[in-house]
Amino acid sequence: MKFQRIQDMRIDHDITIKELSSALDLHRDVYSRYERGVRDFPVDILIKLADFYNCSIDYLVGRTDQK
């Protein structure tokens, strides 16, 4: 499942896939598959992303507009 907000957050913060995948300790291609919706995000990666962007997982996946 693709969560557009996750890609939007990365772009809004001017971060490349390579930079973010490195920060998450993932291979660039693996993270790219997550972001494109080819593979589902594991919960531990969603937690790391929420911590990285200082927001909730619900915000990242579009369940709320409140960070």
N, C-alpha and C. Protein backbone atom coordinates (compact mmCIF):
# COMPACT_ATOMS: atom_id res chain seq x y z
N MET A 1 0.84 -1.18 0.00
CA MET A 1 0.00 0.00 0.00
C MET A 1 0.89 1.24 0.00
N LYS A 2 0.56 2.18 -0.86
CA LYS A 2 1.34 3.41 -0.95
C LYS A 2 0.73 4.48 -0.05
N PHE A 3 1.60 5.11 0.75
CA PHE A 3 1.19 6.22 1.59
C PHE A 3 1.86 7.47 1.06
N GLN A 4 1.13 8.26 0.29
CA GLN A 4 1.68 9.42 -0.41
C GLN A 4 2.35 10.40 0.55
N ARG A 5 1.81 10.53 1.74
CA ARG A 5 2.36 11.51 2.68
C ARG A 5 3.81 11.20 3.05
N ILE A 6 4.17 9.92 3.08
CA ILE A 6 5.55 9.55 3.43
C ILE A 6 6.50 10.09 2.36
N GLN A 7 6.14 9.93 1.12
CA GLN A 7 6.97 10.47 0.04
C GLN A 7 6.96 12.00 0.09
N ASP A 8 5.80 12.59 0.33
CA ASP A 8 5.70 14.05 0.41
C ASP A 8 6.57 14.62 1.53
N MET A 9 6.59 13.94 2.67
CA MET A 9 7.41 14.41 3.80
C MET A 9 8.89 14.41 3.41
N ARG A 10 9.32 13.37 2.74
CA ARG A 10 10.72 13.29 2.33
C ARG A 10 11.06 14.43 1.38
N ILE A 11 10.20 14.65 0.41
CA ILE A 11 10.42 15.70 -0.57
C ILE A 11 10.37 17.08 0.09
N ASP A 12 9.39 17.29 0.98
CA ASP A 12 9.27 18.58 1.67
C ASP A 12 10.50 18.90 2.52
N HIS A 13 11.16 17.86 3.03
CA HIS A 13 12.35 18.06 3.85
C HIS A 13 13.64 18.04 3.01
N ASP A 14 13.49 18.01 1.69
CA ASP A 14 14.63 18.00 0.75
C ASP A 14 15.61 16.88 1.06
N ILE A 15 15.07 15.69 1.27
CA ILE A 15 15.89 14.52 1.58
C ILE A 15 15.76 13.53 0.42
N THR A 16 16.88 13.01 -0.03
CA THR A 16 16.85 12.01 -1.10
C THR A 16 16.54 10.63 -0.52
N ILE A 17 16.12 9.74 -1.39
CA ILE A 17 15.88 8.36 -0.96
C ILE A 17 17.17 7.77 -0.40
N LYS A 18 18.28 8.08 -1.03
CA LYS A 18 19.57 7.56 -0.57
C LYS A 18 19.88 8.04 0.85
N GLU A 19 19.65 9.33 1.12
CA GLU A 19 19.92 9.88 2.46
C GLU A 19 19.00 9.26 3.51
N LEU A 20 17.72 9.15 3.18
CA LEU A 20 16.77 8.61 4.15
C LEU A 20 17.00 7.12 4.40
N SER A 21 17.26 6.38 3.35
CA SER A 21 17.50 4.95 3.54
C SER A 21 18.76 4.73 4.38
N SER A 22 19.74 5.58 4.20
CA SER A 22 20.96 5.49 5.02
C SER A 22 20.64 5.78 6.49
N ALA A 23 19.83 6.81 6.73
CA ALA A 23 19.45 7.16 8.11
C ALA A 23 18.65 6.04 8.77
N LEU A 24 17.89 5.29 7.97
CA LEU A 24 17.08 4.18 8.49
C LEU A 24 17.83 2.85 8.47
N ASP A 25 19.05 2.89 7.98
CA ASP A 25 19.90 1.70 7.88
C ASP A 25 19.26 0.64 6.97
N LEU A 26 18.79 1.11 5.81
CA LEU A 26 18.19 0.24 4.80
C LEU A 26 18.91 0.42 3.48
N HIS A 27 18.84 -0.58 2.63
CA HIS A 27 19.35 -0.43 1.27
C HIS A 27 18.40 0.51 0.53
N ARG A 28 18.95 1.35 -0.33
CA ARG A 28 18.16 2.33 -1.07
C ARG A 28 17.01 1.69 -1.84
N ASP A 29 17.27 0.57 -2.49
CA ASP A 29 16.23 -0.10 -3.28
C ASP A 29 15.10 -0.62 -2.41
N VAL A 30 15.42 -1.09 -1.23
CA VAL A 30 14.40 -1.59 -0.30
C VAL A 30 13.49 -0.45 0.12
N TYR A 31 14.10 0.67 0.54
CA TYR A 31 13.27 1.81 0.95
C TYR A 31 12.43 2.32 -0.22
N SER A 32 13.00 2.36 -1.40
CA SER A 32 12.26 2.82 -2.57
C SER A 32 11.02 1.96 -2.82
N ARG A 33 11.16 0.66 -2.63
CA ARG A 33 10.00 -0.23 -2.80
C ARG A 33 8.92 0.05 -1.76
N TYR A 34 9.33 0.35 -0.54
CA TYR A 34 8.36 0.72 0.49
C TYR A 34 7.62 1.99 0.08
N GLU A 35 8.38 3.00 -0.30
CA GLU A 35 7.78 4.30 -0.61
C GLU A 35 6.86 4.23 -1.83
N ARG A 36 7.20 3.42 -2.81
CA ARG A 36 6.37 3.28 -4.00
C ARG A 36 5.15 2.39 -3.78
N GLY A 37 5.10 1.71 -2.64
CA GLY A 37 3.97 0.84 -2.35
C GLY A 37 4.11 -0.55 -2.91
N VAL A 38 5.30 -0.89 -3.42
CA VAL A 38 5.54 -2.23 -3.95
C VAL A 38 5.61 -3.23 -2.79
N ARG A 39 6.19 -2.79 -1.67
CA ARG A 39 6.24 -3.61 -0.45
C ARG A 39 5.61 -2.80 0.68
N ASP A 40 4.97 -3.50 1.61
CA ASP A 40 4.38 -2.83 2.77
C ASP A 40 5.47 -2.42 3.76
N PHE A 41 5.28 -1.25 4.36
CA PHE A 41 6.20 -0.78 5.39
C PHE A 41 6.08 -1.66 6.62
N PRO A 42 7.17 -2.20 7.13
CA PRO A 42 7.13 -2.90 8.42
C PRO A 42 6.91 -1.87 9.53
N VAL A 43 6.29 -2.31 10.60
CA VAL A 43 5.97 -1.40 11.70
C VAL A 43 7.24 -0.73 12.25
N ASP A 44 8.34 -1.47 12.36
CA ASP A 44 9.54 -0.87 12.92
C ASP A 44 10.07 0.27 12.04
N ILE A 45 9.89 0.19 10.74
CA ILE A 45 10.31 1.27 9.84
C ILE A 45 9.37 2.46 9.98
N LEU A 46 8.08 2.21 10.12
CA LEU A 46 7.13 3.31 10.35
C LEU A 46 7.45 4.05 11.65
N ILE A 47 7.83 3.32 12.68
CA ILE A 47 8.20 3.95 13.95
C ILE A 47 9.44 4.81 13.75
N LYS A 48 10.43 4.29 13.04
CA LYS A 48 11.65 5.07 12.78
C LYS A 48 11.35 6.32 11.97
N LEU A 49 10.46 6.21 10.98
CA LEU A 49 10.08 7.37 10.18
C LEU A 49 9.36 8.42 11.02
N ALA A 50 8.45 7.97 11.87
CA ALA A 50 7.72 8.90 12.74
C ALA A 50 8.70 9.61 13.67
N ASP A 51 9.67 8.89 14.21
CA ASP A 51 10.68 9.52 15.05
C ASP A 51 11.54 10.49 14.24
N PHE A 52 11.91 10.10 13.04
CA PHE A 52 12.75 10.92 12.18
C PHE A 52 12.06 12.25 11.86
N TYR A 53 10.77 12.20 11.53
CA TYR A 53 10.01 13.40 11.16
C TYR A 53 9.32 14.05 12.36
N ASN A 54 9.46 13.45 13.53
CA ASN A 54 8.84 13.98 14.75
C ASN A 54 7.33 14.16 14.57
N CYS A 55 6.68 13.07 14.15
CA CYS A 55 5.23 13.10 13.97
C CYS A 55 4.69 11.71 14.32
N SER A 56 3.39 11.56 14.24
CA SER A 56 2.79 10.26 14.56
C SER A 56 2.74 9.37 13.32
N ILE A 57 2.62 8.09 13.55
CA ILE A 57 2.45 7.15 12.44
C ILE A 57 1.12 7.43 11.75
N ASP A 58 0.09 7.75 12.52
CA ASP A 58 -1.21 8.08 11.92
C ASP A 58 -1.08 9.23 10.92
N TYR A 59 -0.27 10.22 11.25
CA TYR A 59 -0.05 11.34 10.32
C TYR A 59 0.65 10.84 9.06
N LEU A 60 1.67 10.03 9.22
CA LEU A 60 2.43 9.53 8.06
C LEU A 60 1.56 8.75 7.10
N VAL A 61 0.64 7.96 7.63
CA VAL A 61 -0.18 7.12 6.76
C VAL A 61 -1.51 7.77 6.37
N GLY A 62 -1.70 9.04 6.75
CA GLY A 62 -2.86 9.79 6.32
C GLY A 62 -4.11 9.58 7.12
N ARG A 63 -4.00 9.01 8.32
CA ARG A 63 -5.20 8.78 9.14
C ARG A 63 -5.63 10.04 9.88
N THR A 64 -4.72 11.00 9.99
CA THR A 64 -5.02 12.27 10.64
C THR A 64 -4.18 13.37 9.99
N ASP A 65 -4.63 14.59 10.14
CA ASP A 65 -3.85 15.72 9.64
C ASP A 65 -3.09 16.41 10.78
N GLN A 66 -3.18 15.85 11.98
CA GLN A 66 -2.46 16.38 13.14
C GLN A 66 -1.15 15.63 13.31
N LYS A 67 -0.06 16.37 13.29
CA LYS A 67 1.25 15.71 13.43
C LYS A 67 1.39 15.10 14.79
